[in-house]
Amino acid sequence: MVGTPKVTMTMRELDRLKCVQGVVDRQLKLYQAAERLGLTTRQVRRLVRRYRQEGPVGLISRHGNRPSNNRLKDAVADQAFRIIRAQYGRFRADVGR
C-alpha cells in the first residue's frame, strides 16, 4: 500500500497552513490572513503561490537543520571556555551548549 509521506510541522506552520488554506478557499481575505500571521499581504501572496505549487510541504521552513550564521566557531568557543574556566574554577562549559 502506497501512502502519502508524513510531514512534520510546527504549530506556527500549521497556523500558517490554515490561514493560507482559508485564502485559497476564499474564506479569508488576503489582508485578514496577513493580520493573523503578522505578515504583509505581499508575503501572504507568496505563501499562497508556493502552497498552490507545492502543497502543504511548501509552507514548511526551509531553514530546518542549518546552523545559525551568528554561531561561534568551535575553536573560538573552546578558547572562551578555557579563559572562563581559568577565572572561575567551577564553571561548567556544557551548560551553554
Protein backbone atom coordinates (compact mmCIF):
# COMPACT_ATOMS: atom_id res chain seq x y z
CA MET A 1 0.00 0.00 0.00
CA VAL A 2 1.49 3.32 -1.08
CA GLY A 3 0.64 6.17 1.29
CA THR A 4 1.33 9.85 1.35
CA PRO A 5 4.56 10.87 3.04
CA LYS A 6 4.32 12.17 6.60
CA VAL A 7 5.06 15.85 7.09
CA THR A 8 6.10 17.36 10.41
CA MET A 9 5.06 20.95 11.02
CA THR A 10 5.45 23.30 13.95
CA MET A 11 2.34 24.89 15.43
CA ARG A 12 3.28 28.16 13.75
CA GLU A 13 3.50 26.45 10.36
CA LEU A 14 0.19 24.70 10.99
CA ASP A 15 -1.47 28.05 11.74
CA ARG A 16 0.10 29.43 8.57
CA LEU A 17 -1.33 26.48 6.62
CA LYS A 18 -4.84 27.14 7.95
CA CYS A 19 -4.68 30.82 7.05
CA VAL A 20 -3.31 30.18 3.55
CA GLN A 21 -5.91 27.46 3.01
CA GLY A 22 -8.57 29.99 4.05
CA VAL A 23 -7.30 32.44 1.43
CA VAL A 24 -7.22 29.73 -1.26
CA ASP A 25 -10.77 28.63 -0.36
CA ARG A 26 -11.86 32.30 -0.31
CA GLN A 27 -13.00 32.12 3.28
CA LEU A 28 -10.38 34.69 4.31
CA LYS A 29 -9.30 37.85 2.58
CA LEU A 30 -5.62 38.43 1.96
CA TYR A 31 -5.35 41.27 4.49
CA GLN A 32 -7.11 39.19 7.18
CA ALA A 33 -4.63 36.35 6.79
CA ALA A 34 -1.76 38.86 6.85
CA GLU A 35 -3.04 40.34 10.12
CA ARG A 36 -3.44 36.92 11.75
CA LEU A 37 0.04 35.82 10.73
CA GLY A 38 1.73 39.14 11.38
CA LEU A 39 2.94 39.33 7.78
CA THR A 40 2.42 41.70 4.89
CA THR A 41 -0.11 40.96 2.16
CA ARG A 42 2.79 40.52 -0.27
CA GLN A 43 4.29 37.78 1.92
CA VAL A 44 0.91 36.05 2.14
CA ARG A 45 0.57 36.19 -1.66
CA ARG A 46 3.96 34.48 -1.93
CA LEU A 47 2.86 31.80 0.56
CA VAL A 48 -0.37 31.24 -1.39
CA ARG A 49 1.62 30.86 -4.62
CA ARG A 50 4.01 28.38 -3.01
CA TYR A 51 1.07 26.48 -1.46
CA ARG A 52 -0.59 26.15 -4.88
CA GLN A 53 2.66 24.91 -6.45
CA GLU A 54 3.94 22.56 -3.72
CA GLY A 55 1.02 21.92 -1.39
CA PRO A 56 1.36 21.97 2.43
CA VAL A 57 5.04 20.96 2.18
CA GLY A 58 5.75 24.32 0.55
CA LEU A 59 4.88 26.16 3.77
CA ILE A 60 7.46 24.36 5.89
CA SER A 61 10.52 26.42 6.74
CA ARG A 62 13.50 25.65 4.55
CA HIS A 63 15.92 26.63 7.31
CA GLY A 64 15.31 23.43 9.26
CA ASN A 65 18.65 21.86 10.08
CA ARG A 66 21.02 24.65 9.14
CA PRO A 67 23.23 26.19 11.82
CA SER A 68 22.87 29.85 12.68
CA ASN A 69 25.04 32.38 10.89
CA ASN A 70 25.79 34.03 14.24
CA ARG A 71 27.20 30.89 15.82
CA LEU A 72 30.74 31.00 17.17
CA LYS A 73 33.31 28.74 15.59
CA ASP A 74 34.12 25.75 17.81
CA ALA A 75 37.74 26.83 18.26
CA VAL A 76 36.71 30.32 19.45
CA ALA A 77 34.08 28.91 21.81
CA ASP A 78 36.58 26.42 23.29
CA GLN A 79 39.13 29.19 23.82
CA ALA A 80 36.49 31.34 25.57
CA PHE A 81 35.53 28.44 27.84
CA ARG A 82 39.20 27.85 28.71
CA ILE A 83 39.58 31.50 29.70
CA ILE A 84 36.41 31.41 31.77
CA ARG A 85 37.41 28.16 33.47
CA ALA A 86 40.79 29.71 34.37
CA GLN A 87 38.98 32.59 36.09
CA TYR A 88 36.10 30.59 37.57
CA GLY A 89 37.18 27.07 38.52
CA ARG A 90 33.71 25.55 38.90
CA PHE A 91 32.31 26.83 35.59
CA ARG A 92 30.55 24.13 33.52
CA ALA A 93 31.03 24.56 29.76
CA ASP A 94 28.22 22.18 28.77
CA VAL A 95 25.52 24.47 30.20
CA GLY A 96 25.57 26.94 27.30
CA ARG A 97 25.73 24.33 24.54
